[in-house]
């Protein structure tokens, strides 16, 4: 065992001891020993216990730990303290700039237990007000976590969108200087709007592919290298793999089609259409006797059958959204005031309404609203509604679903809201049966209007808690509860793979940005993209309702509760 491994183990022990508030003198001794071992000019491995004890800075107690490590490969004291520490907290110790003191605040004060939750908290600006943090520290932590995500070769769709758009624009300009009337397309998972991207695929169609191939090395924005299969490969500064295929212009649309859809979809269509060439993608589907299938739907599910029967859904668009629900202000953990959020929706986004859903009282880490503050917020909403009419702010709340499935307010408080988003934020470690039962209990609460981020997942960082999707969706159908598509790019929850089942059961979905600042409203764009993948139409989306329609929807639910 090398000295660096021994030093690293001692350093981890000292950090964990500090996390658990152990004796400061003991912590300092272990940390000092780690430093001394790391700087030794000779190897400890092979030394006797007595010889190790003579090393400056180790002493009898620490030398015994080092001896135990050399003999067994572990330390009992370290294993004991690791057993009391969430795995995600230990992982945080590897983030530069976050020492044990800051992690104690993150863990104990903010209730964050892994890097995924920490990254989400950075996006919500939750670290700024925490002790020992600030905007600069928060942004540094965010960048480090993004770098760690990228190191695994996987990226959130939203994180590569700007890069893709710029690369596409740069390539288009360059191509027009190289050849006449070229064709360029983005294909693969990105074109299908898959939520996690591992590779960007690009297709170029030219009358003289050889000319492009000869000059591609002159493309200054990115260096492409020829591969054995005839394609070109590059990597962005972020580490995103980029694959470029150059084809004869006549066969551009066939190749673009092949590189876009998944294997099942492509094979099924081409078995009917043949190999072309085709003048555009529409011609491929026409030749196959099918209605045109939007790229988002080309997943080899039921889209071919629907295309044969001309029953494909008219997919939702950004322009269909009339308002935004589930948003946070400075009343809880948001960055902008309620009025700033409302004015931005009305004047910049040209929306008809805003659903304000600050955190409830159980979310102490997010400055959740107690009963008195709810009353004060409702007074402010009434005043703003008079000022901003006909724009309307709906009185909502993101009410925590407790361990037993109950909401964290009494019915007397819940009935004061226009709508209630019920969400799980704590105690995520449950088996499927318990997690499902917990959600269904909350869904059956007559005051629950929307089920928020149903699995609590954080993409690339935290799996959602296990649930029986069908049972949860069936419960929403039975209780007329809307299911959220949380549009934050880290969540995109409900998963698009379950949208069809929900829609078939008659469940409305709602594209909610979960915005904690004005800029967060723009995340609805990603919710629309993922809704399109799931086959969502405007009429099946709650916040595509006009102000009149959604007011009637909320009032109908309130009247139904009153009649119980």
Protein backbone atom coordinates (compact mmCIF):
# COMPACT_ATOMS: atom_id res chain seq x y z
CA UNK A 1 0.00 0.00 0.00
CA UNK A 2 1.44 3.38 -1.02
CA UNK A 3 1.87 6.24 1.40
CA UNK A 4 -0.61 8.36 -0.55
CA UNK A 5 -3.34 5.75 -0.01
CA UNK A 6 -2.61 5.69 3.72
CA UNK A 7 -2.63 9.50 3.86
CA UNK A 8 -5.87 9.69 1.89
CA UNK A 9 -7.52 7.24 4.30
CA UNK A 10 -6.38 9.20 7.35
CA UNK A 11 -7.56 12.45 5.75
CA UNK A 12 -11.00 10.96 5.10
CA UNK A 13 -11.18 9.79 8.71
CA UNK A 14 -10.35 13.28 10.00
CA UNK A 15 -12.96 14.87 7.72
CA UNK A 16 -15.67 12.44 8.81
CA UNK A 17 -14.77 12.97 12.46
CA UNK A 18 -15.22 16.71 11.90
CA UNK A 19 -18.57 16.10 10.23
CA UNK A 20 -19.73 14.20 13.29
CA UNK A 21 -18.39 16.83 15.70
CA UNK A 22 -15.85 14.64 17.45
CA UNK A 23 -13.01 15.82 19.69
CA UNK A 24 -11.21 18.71 17.89
CA UNK A 25 -7.80 17.68 19.28
CA UNK A 26 -8.24 14.13 17.96
CA UNK A 27 -9.37 15.46 14.56
CA UNK A 28 -6.31 17.70 14.33
CA UNK A 29 -4.00 14.81 15.26
CA UNK A 30 -5.39 12.54 12.52
CA UNK A 31 -5.29 15.34 9.91
CA UNK A 32 -1.70 16.16 10.87
CA UNK A 33 -0.74 12.49 10.59
CA UNK A 34 -2.24 12.37 7.09
CA UNK A 35 -0.08 15.33 6.08
CA UNK A 36 3.07 13.82 7.60
CA UNK A 37 2.56 10.42 5.91
CA UNK A 38 1.99 12.06 2.54
CA UNK A 39 5.34 13.88 2.79
CA UNK A 40 7.49 10.94 3.97
CA UNK A 41 10.56 10.27 1.77
CA UNK A 42 10.24 6.49 2.30
CA UNK A 43 7.48 3.85 2.17
CA UNK A 44 5.64 2.80 5.34
CA UNK A 45 4.69 -0.56 3.84
CA UNK A 46 7.02 -3.20 5.32
CA UNK A 47 7.70 -1.32 8.57
CA UNK A 48 6.89 -2.90 11.91
CA UNK A 49 4.29 -1.43 14.28
CA UNK A 50 7.08 -0.18 16.53
CA UNK A 51 8.83 1.51 13.60
CA UNK A 52 5.59 3.15 12.45
CA UNK A 53 5.01 4.48 15.97
CA UNK A 54 8.36 6.28 15.79
CA UNK A 55 7.33 8.30 12.72
CA UNK A 56 6.98 11.98 13.57
CA UNK A 57 3.31 12.95 13.99
CA UNK A 58 1.86 9.45 14.32
CA UNK A 59 2.25 8.24 17.87
CA UNK A 60 0.84 5.11 19.47
CA UNK A 61 -2.86 5.55 18.66
CA UNK A 62 -2.58 6.60 15.02
CA UNK A 63 0.23 4.18 14.25
CA UNK A 64 -2.08 1.39 15.43
CA UNK A 65 -4.69 2.56 12.90
CA UNK A 66 -2.07 2.63 10.14
CA UNK A 67 -0.90 -0.87 11.11
CA UNK A 68 -4.51 -2.10 11.03
CA UNK A 69 -4.93 -0.59 7.59
CA UNK A 70 -1.77 -2.26 6.29
CA UNK A 71 -2.70 -5.63 7.78
CA UNK A 72 -6.44 -5.75 6.97
CA UNK A 73 -6.96 -3.17 4.23
CA UNK A 74 -9.37 -1.14 6.37
CA UNK A 75 -9.84 0.66 9.69
CA UNK A 76 -12.62 -0.37 12.07
CA UNK A 77 -13.06 3.23 13.27
CA UNK A 78 -13.37 4.49 9.71
CA UNK A 79 -15.89 1.79 8.77
CA UNK A 80 -17.99 2.61 11.85
CA UNK A 81 -18.19 6.31 11.02
CA UNK A 82 -18.85 5.59 7.33
CA UNK A 83 -21.83 3.48 8.38
CA UNK A 84 -23.31 6.58 10.07
CA UNK A 85 -22.74 8.84 7.05
CA UNK A 86 -24.85 8.93 3.86
CA UNK A 87 -22.83 7.83 0.84
CA UNK A 88 -23.60 11.10 -0.95
CA UNK A 89 -22.15 13.12 1.93
CA UNK A 90 -18.88 11.21 1.67
CA UNK A 91 -18.84 11.90 -2.08
CA UNK A 92 -19.23 15.63 -1.40
CA UNK A 93 -15.91 15.61 0.46
CA UNK A 94 -14.29 15.14 -2.94
CA UNK A 95 -15.62 18.46 -4.24
CA UNK A 96 -12.96 21.15 -4.17
CA UNK A 97 -14.01 24.13 -2.09
CA UNK A 98 -16.39 22.22 0.19
CA UNK A 99 -14.80 21.30 3.49
CA UNK A 100 -16.43 19.49 6.43
CA UNK A 101 -17.75 22.72 7.95
CA UNK A 102 -19.69 23.60 4.80
CA UNK A 103 -20.89 20.01 4.37
CA UNK A 104 -22.30 20.06 7.91
CA UNK A 105 -24.42 23.07 6.88
CA UNK A 106 -25.46 21.36 3.63
CA UNK A 107 -26.35 18.13 5.41
CA UNK A 108 -27.74 19.22 8.76
CA UNK A 109 -29.21 22.64 7.98
CA UNK A 110 -30.37 22.20 4.38
CA UNK A 111 -31.23 18.50 4.55
CA UNK A 112 -29.17 17.69 1.41
CA UNK A 113 -27.61 14.22 1.32
CA UNK A 114 -26.08 13.76 -2.14
CA UNK A 115 -24.46 15.65 -4.99
CA UNK A 116 -27.60 15.55 -7.14
CA UNK A 117 -29.63 17.29 -4.44
CA UNK A 118 -26.78 19.77 -3.94
CA UNK A 119 -26.75 20.64 -7.63
CA UNK A 120 -30.52 21.11 -7.59
CA UNK A 121 -30.17 23.38 -4.55
CA UNK A 122 -27.59 25.47 -6.43
CA UNK A 123 -30.08 25.90 -9.26
CA UNK A 124 -32.69 27.01 -6.73
CA UNK A 125 -30.25 29.53 -5.19
CA UNK A 126 -30.71 27.81 -1.85
CA UNK A 127 -27.02 27.97 -0.88
CA UNK A 128 -26.69 31.74 -1.06
CA UNK A 129 -28.30 32.41 2.31
CA UNK A 130 -26.72 29.42 4.08
CA UNK A 131 -24.00 30.07 6.66
CA UNK A 132 -20.53 30.24 5.09
CA UNK A 133 -21.80 30.37 1.52
CA UNK A 134 -22.46 33.07 -1.05
CA UNK A 135 -23.20 33.52 -4.73
CA UNK A 136 -19.56 32.98 -5.77
CA UNK A 137 -19.21 29.75 -3.76
CA UNK A 138 -22.53 28.48 -5.05
CA UNK A 139 -21.54 29.07 -8.68
CA UNK A 140 -18.15 27.40 -8.15
CA UNK A 141 -19.82 24.34 -6.65
CA UNK A 142 -22.29 24.22 -9.52
CA UNK A 143 -19.49 24.29 -12.12
CA UNK A 144 -17.55 21.53 -10.36
CA UNK A 145 -20.61 19.29 -10.22
CA UNK A 146 -21.33 19.92 -13.91
CA UNK A 147 -17.75 18.93 -14.68
CA UNK A 148 -18.17 15.71 -12.68
CA UNK A 149 -21.36 14.91 -14.62
CA UNK A 150 -19.61 15.52 -17.94
CA UNK A 151 -16.74 13.24 -16.93
CA UNK A 152 -19.13 10.31 -17.25
CA UNK A 153 -19.86 11.20 -20.89
CA UNK A 154 -23.54 11.91 -20.29
CA UNK A 155 -25.22 15.29 -20.53
CA UNK A 156 -28.64 16.75 -19.85
CA UNK A 157 -30.36 17.87 -23.04
CA UNK A 158 -30.61 21.42 -21.71
CA UNK A 159 -26.90 21.58 -20.90
CA UNK A 160 -25.83 20.92 -24.49
CA UNK A 161 -28.60 22.84 -26.28
CA UNK A 162 -26.63 26.10 -26.64
CA UNK A 163 -23.53 24.21 -27.78
CA UNK A 164 -25.53 22.28 -30.40
CA UNK A 165 -27.23 25.38 -31.73
CA UNK A 166 -23.91 27.23 -32.09
CA UNK A 167 -22.17 24.28 -33.74
CA UNK A 168 -25.05 23.89 -36.18
CA UNK A 169 -24.92 27.59 -37.07
CA UNK A 170 -21.12 27.56 -37.48
CA UNK A 171 -21.24 24.46 -39.69
CA UNK A 172 -23.99 25.94 -41.84
CA UNK A 173 -21.95 29.10 -42.47
CA UNK A 174 -18.79 27.11 -43.21
CA UNK A 175 -20.57 24.70 -45.57
CA UNK A 176 -21.89 27.55 -47.68
CA UNK A 177 -18.32 28.72 -48.26
CA UNK A 178 -17.21 25.23 -49.30
CA UNK A 179 -19.99 23.90 -51.51
CA UNK A 180 -23.15 25.04 -53.18
CA UNK A 181 -26.59 24.41 -51.65
CA UNK A 182 -25.55 21.93 -48.93
CA UNK A 183 -27.97 20.14 -46.57
CA UNK A 184 -27.30 19.86 -42.84
CA UNK A 185 -29.26 18.04 -40.17
CA UNK A 186 -29.07 17.19 -36.47
CA UNK A 187 -29.99 13.56 -35.87
CA UNK A 188 -29.87 10.91 -33.15
CA UNK A 189 -31.04 11.19 -29.56
CA UNK A 190 -30.77 14.97 -29.60
CA UNK A 191 -33.23 15.34 -32.47
CA UNK A 192 -35.60 12.95 -30.69
CA UNK A 193 -35.29 15.19 -27.58
CA UNK A 194 -34.11 12.38 -25.34
CA UNK A 195 -33.49 13.75 -21.86
CA UNK A 196 -29.91 12.45 -21.56
CA UNK A 197 -27.46 12.87 -24.45
CA UNK A 198 -24.29 10.79 -24.89
CA UNK A 199 -23.53 11.64 -28.52
CA UNK A 200 -24.50 14.33 -31.01
CA UNK A 201 -25.02 13.09 -34.58
CA UNK A 202 -24.81 15.44 -37.57
CA UNK A 203 -25.45 14.71 -41.24
CA UNK A 204 -24.19 16.71 -44.23
CA UNK A 205 -25.55 16.22 -47.72
CA UNK A 206 -23.51 17.58 -50.64
CA UNK A 207 -23.30 17.15 -54.42
CA UNK A 208 -19.61 16.44 -53.92
CA UNK A 209 -19.09 14.68 -50.54
CA UNK A 210 -15.40 14.30 -51.38
CA UNK A 211 -15.01 18.08 -51.36
CA UNK A 212 -16.41 18.27 -47.82
CA UNK A 213 -14.22 15.38 -46.70
CA UNK A 214 -11.11 17.05 -48.08
CA UNK A 215 -11.81 20.38 -46.41
CA UNK A 216 -13.40 19.38 -43.09
CA UNK A 217 -10.05 19.79 -41.36
CA UNK A 218 -10.28 23.50 -42.22
CA UNK A 219 -13.39 23.86 -40.04
CA UNK A 220 -11.94 25.99 -37.27
CA UNK A 221 -14.77 25.71 -34.73
CA UNK A 222 -14.06 22.03 -34.11
CA UNK A 223 -11.42 19.46 -35.11
CA UNK A 224 -12.91 16.36 -36.78
CA UNK A 225 -10.94 13.13 -37.32
CA UNK A 226 -11.75 10.49 -39.93
CA UNK A 227 -12.85 7.14 -38.46
CA UNK A 228 -12.54 3.63 -39.87
CA UNK A 229 -16.26 3.57 -40.76
CA UNK A 230 -15.95 6.73 -42.89
CA UNK A 231 -17.57 9.06 -40.35
CA UNK A 232 -15.84 11.96 -38.60
CA UNK A 233 -15.46 12.25 -34.83
CA UNK A 234 -14.81 15.16 -32.50
CA UNK A 235 -15.41 16.19 -28.90
CA UNK A 236 -16.61 19.51 -27.57
CA UNK A 237 -14.82 21.36 -24.78
CA UNK A 238 -17.41 19.92 -22.42
CA UNK A 239 -16.52 16.42 -23.57
CA UNK A 240 -19.61 15.73 -25.66
CA UNK A 241 -18.92 13.18 -28.41
CA UNK A 242 -19.83 14.56 -31.86
CA UNK A 243 -20.21 12.30 -34.88
CA UNK A 244 -20.43 13.70 -38.42
CA UNK A 245 -21.63 11.75 -41.46
CA UNK A 246 -21.11 13.14 -44.98
CA UNK A 247 -23.32 11.69 -47.76
CA UNK A 248 -24.37 12.29 -51.33
CA UNK A 249 -27.03 14.99 -51.37
CA UNK A 250 -29.50 12.71 -53.17
CA UNK A 251 -29.46 10.35 -50.18
CA UNK A 252 -29.39 13.00 -47.45
CA UNK A 253 -32.99 12.55 -46.28
CA UNK A 254 -32.73 8.77 -46.20
CA UNK A 255 -29.58 8.98 -44.05
CA UNK A 256 -31.01 11.73 -41.86
CA UNK A 257 -34.06 9.54 -41.27
CA UNK A 258 -31.93 6.47 -40.49
CA UNK A 259 -29.76 8.35 -38.01
CA UNK A 260 -32.73 9.96 -36.26
CA UNK A 261 -35.19 7.24 -35.31
CA UNK A 262 -34.35 4.29 -33.08
CA UNK A 263 -33.69 0.94 -34.76
CA UNK A 264 -37.23 -0.44 -34.41
CA UNK A 265 -38.83 2.65 -35.93
CA UNK A 266 -36.38 2.93 -38.82
CA UNK A 267 -36.59 -0.75 -39.75
CA UNK A 268 -40.39 -0.78 -39.61
CA UNK A 269 -40.76 2.27 -41.87
CA UNK A 270 -38.12 1.28 -44.41
CA UNK A 271 -39.61 -2.21 -44.69
CA UNK A 272 -42.64 -0.42 -46.16
CA UNK A 273 -40.90 2.46 -47.98
CA UNK A 274 -37.73 0.90 -49.40
CA UNK A 275 -34.37 2.63 -49.64
CA UNK A 276 -35.23 5.63 -51.77
CA UNK A 277 -33.79 8.09 -52.65
CA UNK A 278 -36.39 10.51 -51.25
CA UNK A 279 -36.91 14.23 -51.77
CA UNK A 280 -37.62 14.79 -48.06
CA UNK A 281 -38.66 12.86 -44.93
CA UNK A 282 -42.34 13.34 -45.71
CA UNK A 283 -41.79 11.33 -48.89
CA UNK A 284 -40.45 8.39 -46.86
CA UNK A 285 -43.62 8.16 -44.79
CA UNK A 286 -45.85 8.74 -47.82
CA UNK A 287 -44.13 5.88 -49.68
CA UNK A 288 -44.66 3.70 -46.59
CA UNK A 289 -48.35 4.58 -46.47
CA UNK A 290 -47.99 6.35 -43.16
CA UNK A 291 -48.75 9.77 -41.75
CA UNK A 292 -45.63 11.81 -40.98
CA UNK A 293 -44.21 10.95 -37.54
CA UNK A 294 -42.57 13.81 -35.61
CA UNK A 295 -38.96 13.05 -34.68
CA UNK A 296 -39.75 13.03 -30.93
CA UNK A 297 -42.09 10.07 -31.39
CA UNK A 298 -39.75 7.81 -33.37
CA UNK A 299 -39.12 5.44 -30.48
CA UNK A 300 -40.51 2.15 -31.78
CA UNK A 301 -43.56 2.19 -29.52
CA UNK A 302 -47.06 2.50 -31.01
CA UNK A 303 -46.36 5.37 -33.40
CA UNK A 304 -46.31 3.17 -36.54
CA UNK A 305 -49.78 1.80 -35.81
CA UNK A 306 -51.09 5.29 -35.08
CA UNK A 307 -49.51 6.56 -38.31
CA UNK A 308 -51.19 3.78 -40.30
CA UNK A 309 -54.56 4.72 -38.83
CA UNK A 310 -53.85 8.45 -39.13
CA UNK A 311 -54.37 8.81 -35.37
CA UNK A 312 -51.12 10.47 -34.38
CA UNK A 313 -51.58 13.17 -31.73
CA UNK A 314 -51.28 16.85 -32.61
CA UNK A 315 -48.32 17.49 -30.32
CA UNK A 316 -48.23 20.39 -27.89
CA UNK A 317 -46.05 23.44 -28.68
CA UNK A 318 -44.57 26.25 -26.60
CA UNK A 319 -47.22 28.59 -27.98
CA UNK A 320 -50.02 26.43 -26.54
CA UNK A 321 -49.11 27.29 -22.95
CA UNK A 322 -51.35 29.99 -21.49
CA UNK A 323 -49.96 30.08 -17.98
CA UNK A 324 -47.47 28.62 -15.58
CA UNK A 325 -48.15 26.64 -12.39
CA UNK A 326 -45.86 25.55 -9.53
CA UNK A 327 -43.46 28.44 -8.98
CA UNK A 328 -41.61 29.89 -6.00
CA UNK A 329 -40.91 33.43 -4.81
CA UNK A 330 -39.01 35.10 -1.99
CA UNK A 331 -41.84 34.00 0.28
CA UNK A 332 -39.98 30.68 0.45
CA UNK A 333 -36.72 29.90 -1.39
CA UNK A 334 -37.18 31.86 -4.61
CA UNK A 335 -34.90 34.64 -5.86
CA UNK A 336 -37.52 37.13 -7.08
CA UNK A 337 -40.51 38.63 -5.36
CA UNK A 338 -44.05 37.55 -6.07
CA UNK A 339 -44.70 40.78 -7.96
CA UNK A 340 -41.51 40.42 -10.03
CA UNK A 341 -42.50 36.89 -11.00
CA UNK A 342 -46.01 37.97 -11.92
CA UNK A 343 -44.99 41.01 -13.94
CA UNK A 344 -42.44 38.94 -15.87
CA UNK A 345 -45.11 36.38 -16.75
CA UNK A 346 -47.54 39.06 -17.84
CA UNK A 347 -45.31 41.51 -19.69
CA UNK A 348 -42.37 39.43 -20.96
CA UNK A 349 -43.91 36.00 -21.48
CA UNK A 350 -47.39 37.31 -22.36
CA UNK A 351 -49.06 34.64 -20.22
CA UNK A 352 -52.55 34.88 -18.75
CA UNK A 353 -51.90 33.56 -15.26
CA UNK A 354 -49.33 32.48 -12.69
CA UNK A 355 -49.72 29.71 -10.11
CA UNK A 356 -47.68 30.57 -7.04
CA UNK A 357 -46.70 27.49 -5.03
CA UNK A 358 -44.18 28.39 -2.37
CA UNK A 359 -42.97 25.63 -0.08
CA UNK A 360 -45.08 24.47 2.85
CA UNK A 361 -44.14 24.53 6.52
CA UNK A 362 -42.41 21.12 6.59
CA UNK A 363 -39.80 22.45 4.16
CA UNK A 364 -38.03 24.40 6.90
CA UNK A 365 -34.81 24.35 4.86
CA UNK A 366 -36.63 26.28 2.11
CA UNK A 367 -38.25 28.85 4.41
CA UNK A 368 -41.61 27.10 4.07
CA UNK A 369 -44.78 29.03 4.91
CA UNK A 370 -46.51 28.59 8.24
CA UNK A 371 -50.22 29.37 8.59
CA UNK A 372 -49.70 33.04 9.47
CA UNK A 373 -47.43 33.68 6.49
CA UNK A 374 -49.91 31.98 4.16
CA UNK A 375 -52.53 34.53 5.21
CA UNK A 376 -50.08 37.38 4.57
CA UNK A 377 -49.13 36.03 1.15
CA UNK A 378 -52.79 35.70 0.15
CA UNK A 379 -53.33 39.35 1.03
CA UNK A 380 -50.45 40.33 -1.25
CA UNK A 381 -51.87 38.16 -4.05
CA UNK A 382 -55.28 39.83 -3.71
CA UNK A 383 -53.65 43.26 -4.01
CA UNK A 384 -51.56 42.22 -7.02
CA UNK A 385 -54.56 40.68 -8.77
CA UNK A 386 -56.37 44.00 -8.47
CA UNK A 387 -53.31 45.80 -9.82
CA UNK A 388 -52.44 43.41 -12.71
CA UNK A 389 -55.93 42.44 -13.89
CA UNK A 390 -56.96 40.74 -16.13
CA UNK A 391 -53.74 38.78 -15.42
CA UNK A 392 -54.33 36.54 -12.43
CA UNK A 393 -52.18 34.98 -9.72
CA UNK A 394 -53.65 31.75 -8.36
CA UNK A 395 -53.11 30.96 -4.69
CA UNK A 396 -51.27 27.67 -4.60
CA UNK A 397 -48.91 25.81 -2.32
CA UNK A 398 -46.40 23.00 -2.75
CA UNK A 399 -47.53 20.95 0.21
CA UNK A 400 -45.13 18.29 1.46
CA UNK A 401 -46.36 14.71 1.42
CA UNK A 402 -45.43 13.35 4.84
CA UNK A 403 -44.24 9.82 5.62
CA UNK A 404 -47.78 8.47 5.98
CA UNK A 405 -49.06 10.21 2.83
CA UNK A 406 -50.86 13.04 4.61
CA UNK A 407 -50.29 16.69 3.65
CA UNK A 408 -48.68 19.06 6.13
CA UNK A 409 -51.62 21.41 6.64
CA UNK A 410 -55.07 20.94 8.11
CA UNK A 411 -58.10 20.95 5.82
CA UNK A 412 -59.00 24.40 7.16
CA UNK A 413 -55.76 25.74 5.67
CA UNK A 414 -55.82 23.64 2.49
CA UNK A 415 -59.25 24.96 1.54
CA UNK A 416 -57.89 28.53 1.38
CA UNK A 417 -55.87 27.69 -1.75
CA UNK A 418 -57.06 27.74 -5.35
CA UNK A 419 -54.99 24.59 -5.95
CA UNK A 420 -52.51 22.36 -4.16
CA UNK A 421 -49.38 20.71 -5.58
CA UNK A 422 -48.55 17.70 -3.39
CA UNK A 423 -44.89 16.62 -3.49
CA UNK A 424 -42.45 14.37 -1.68
CA UNK A 425 -39.26 16.08 -0.50
CA UNK A 426 -38.09 13.94 2.42
CA UNK A 427 -37.63 10.30 3.47
CA UNK A 428 -36.99 9.08 -0.07
CA UNK A 429 -35.66 5.66 0.92
CA UNK A 430 -38.74 3.45 0.74
CA UNK A 431 -39.55 0.21 -1.00
CA UNK A 432 -41.95 0.30 -3.94
CA UNK A 433 -45.00 -0.78 -1.95
CA UNK A 434 -44.57 1.88 0.74
CA UNK A 435 -43.64 4.65 -1.72
CA UNK A 436 -46.65 3.82 -3.88
CA UNK A 437 -49.01 3.69 -0.90
CA UNK A 438 -47.69 7.02 0.34
CA UNK A 439 -48.40 8.73 -3.00
CA UNK A 440 -51.84 7.17 -3.37
CA UNK A 441 -52.82 8.38 0.11
CA UNK A 442 -51.83 11.92 -0.90
CA UNK A 443 -53.65 11.59 -4.23
CA UNK A 444 -56.82 10.55 -2.41
CA UNK A 445 -56.73 13.70 -0.30
CA UNK A 446 -59.58 15.77 -1.82
CA UNK A 447 -57.47 18.94 -1.68
CA UNK A 448 -54.66 17.54 -3.86
CA UNK A 449 -54.93 19.13 -7.31
CA UNK A 450 -51.57 18.20 -8.84
CA UNK A 451 -49.09 15.45 -8.00
CA UNK A 452 -45.67 17.15 -8.13
CA UNK A 453 -42.50 15.50 -9.55
CA UNK A 454 -43.90 11.99 -8.88
CA UNK A 455 -40.62 10.09 -8.34
CA UNK A 456 -38.33 12.83 -7.04
CA UNK A 457 -35.63 11.86 -9.52
CA UNK A 458 -32.67 14.09 -10.38
CA UNK A 459 -31.26 13.05 -13.74
CA UNK A 460 -27.62 11.91 -13.77
CA UNK A 461 -27.51 12.24 -10.00
CA UNK A 462 -30.33 10.54 -8.11
CA UNK A 463 -32.73 7.81 -9.10
CA UNK A 464 -36.34 8.44 -8.30
CA UNK A 465 -37.89 6.46 -5.46
CA UNK A 466 -39.43 3.24 -6.77
CA UNK A 467 -43.16 3.42 -7.44
CA UNK A 468 -45.74 1.35 -9.22
CA UNK A 469 -46.44 3.83 -12.00
CA UNK A 470 -49.64 2.18 -13.16
CA UNK A 471 -51.18 2.19 -9.67
CA UNK A 472 -50.23 5.82 -9.07
CA UNK A 473 -51.60 6.91 -12.44
CA UNK A 474 -54.79 4.89 -11.92
CA UNK A 475 -55.26 6.63 -8.57
CA UNK A 476 -54.86 10.03 -10.23
CA UNK A 477 -57.46 9.05 -12.82
CA UNK A 478 -59.89 7.92 -10.11
CA UNK A 479 -59.45 11.11 -8.06
CA UNK A 480 -59.24 13.63 -10.91
CA UNK A 481 -55.68 14.60 -9.92
CA UNK A 482 -53.37 16.18 -12.49
CA UNK A 483 -49.82 14.80 -12.83
CA UNK A 484 -46.95 17.22 -13.16
CA UNK A 485 -44.32 17.13 -15.85
CA UNK A 486 -41.72 18.96 -13.82
CA UNK A 487 -39.93 20.89 -16.56
CA UNK A 488 -36.72 21.53 -14.65
CA UNK A 489 -34.11 19.84 -16.91
CA UNK A 490 -32.79 17.94 -13.88
CA UNK A 491 -36.17 16.34 -13.25
CA UNK A 492 -38.45 15.98 -16.33
CA UNK A 493 -40.65 13.94 -14.04
CA UNK A 494 -43.21 12.33 -14.86
CA UNK A 495 -41.00 10.24 -17.17
CA UNK A 496 -42.19 10.54 -20.81
CA UNK A 497 -42.39 6.74 -21.07
CA UNK A 498 -45.49 6.87 -18.85
CA UNK A 499 -47.21 9.83 -20.46
CA UNK A 500 -49.16 7.66 -22.91
CA UNK A 501 -50.55 5.48 -20.16
CA UNK A 502 -51.65 8.52 -18.17
CA UNK A 503 -53.26 10.13 -21.21
CA UNK A 504 -55.07 6.90 -22.11
CA UNK A 505 -56.50 6.88 -18.57
CA UNK A 506 -57.79 10.42 -19.06
CA UNK A 507 -55.31 12.04 -16.67
CA UNK A 508 -54.39 15.66 -17.38
CA UNK A 509 -50.70 16.57 -17.31
CA UNK A 510 -49.31 19.97 -16.38
CA UNK A 511 -46.00 21.38 -17.64
CA UNK A 512 -44.66 23.08 -14.53
CA UNK A 513 -41.28 24.87 -14.48
CA UNK A 514 -40.85 24.74 -10.69
CA UNK A 515 -39.29 28.16 -11.24
CA UNK A 516 -37.37 29.75 -8.36
CA UNK A 517 -36.45 32.84 -10.38
CA UNK A 518 -37.77 34.62 -13.46
CA UNK A 519 -35.37 32.81 -15.79
CA UNK A 520 -36.72 29.50 -14.54
CA UNK A 521 -40.00 30.02 -16.41
CA UNK A 522 -38.13 29.26 -19.62
CA UNK A 523 -37.69 25.66 -18.48
CA UNK A 524 -41.26 25.10 -19.66
CA UNK A 525 -39.65 24.71 -23.10
CA UNK A 526 -37.99 21.47 -21.92
CA UNK A 527 -41.26 20.31 -20.42
CA UNK A 528 -42.92 20.84 -23.80
CA UNK A 529 -40.21 18.82 -25.55
CA UNK A 530 -40.56 15.91 -23.14
CA UNK A 531 -44.35 16.18 -23.28
CA UNK A 532 -44.15 15.87 -27.06
CA UNK A 533 -42.11 12.68 -26.63
CA UNK A 534 -44.92 11.31 -24.52
CA UNK A 535 -47.58 12.23 -27.09
CA UNK A 536 -49.06 15.16 -25.15
CA UNK A 537 -51.57 17.45 -26.86
CA UNK A 538 -52.63 20.93 -25.80
CA UNK A 539 -56.11 19.81 -24.75
CA UNK A 540 -54.56 17.26 -22.37
CA UNK A 541 -52.30 19.82 -20.68
CA UNK A 542 -53.73 21.81 -17.75
CA UNK A 543 -51.70 24.98 -18.29
CA UNK A 544 -52.74 25.09 -21.95
CA UNK A 545 -56.15 26.03 -20.59
CA UNK A 546 -57.14 29.67 -20.99
CA UNK A 547 -57.62 31.77 -17.84
CA UNK A 548 -61.37 31.22 -18.05
CA UNK A 549 -60.99 27.46 -18.49
CA UNK A 550 -58.49 26.92 -15.70
CA UNK A 551 -60.49 29.13 -13.33
CA UNK A 552 -63.51 26.94 -14.00
CA UNK A 553 -61.39 23.80 -13.46
CA UNK A 554 -60.16 24.97 -10.06
CA UNK A 555 -63.60 26.19 -8.98
CA UNK A 556 -65.20 22.91 -10.01
CA UNK A 557 -62.81 20.98 -7.76
CA UNK A 558 -63.47 23.33 -4.85
CA UNK A 559 -67.22 22.94 -5.32
CA UNK A 560 -66.89 19.17 -5.42
CA UNK A 561 -64.97 19.21 -2.13
CA UNK A 562 -67.62 21.43 -0.53
CA UNK A 563 -70.33 18.98 -1.51
CA UNK A 564 -68.57 16.03 0.18
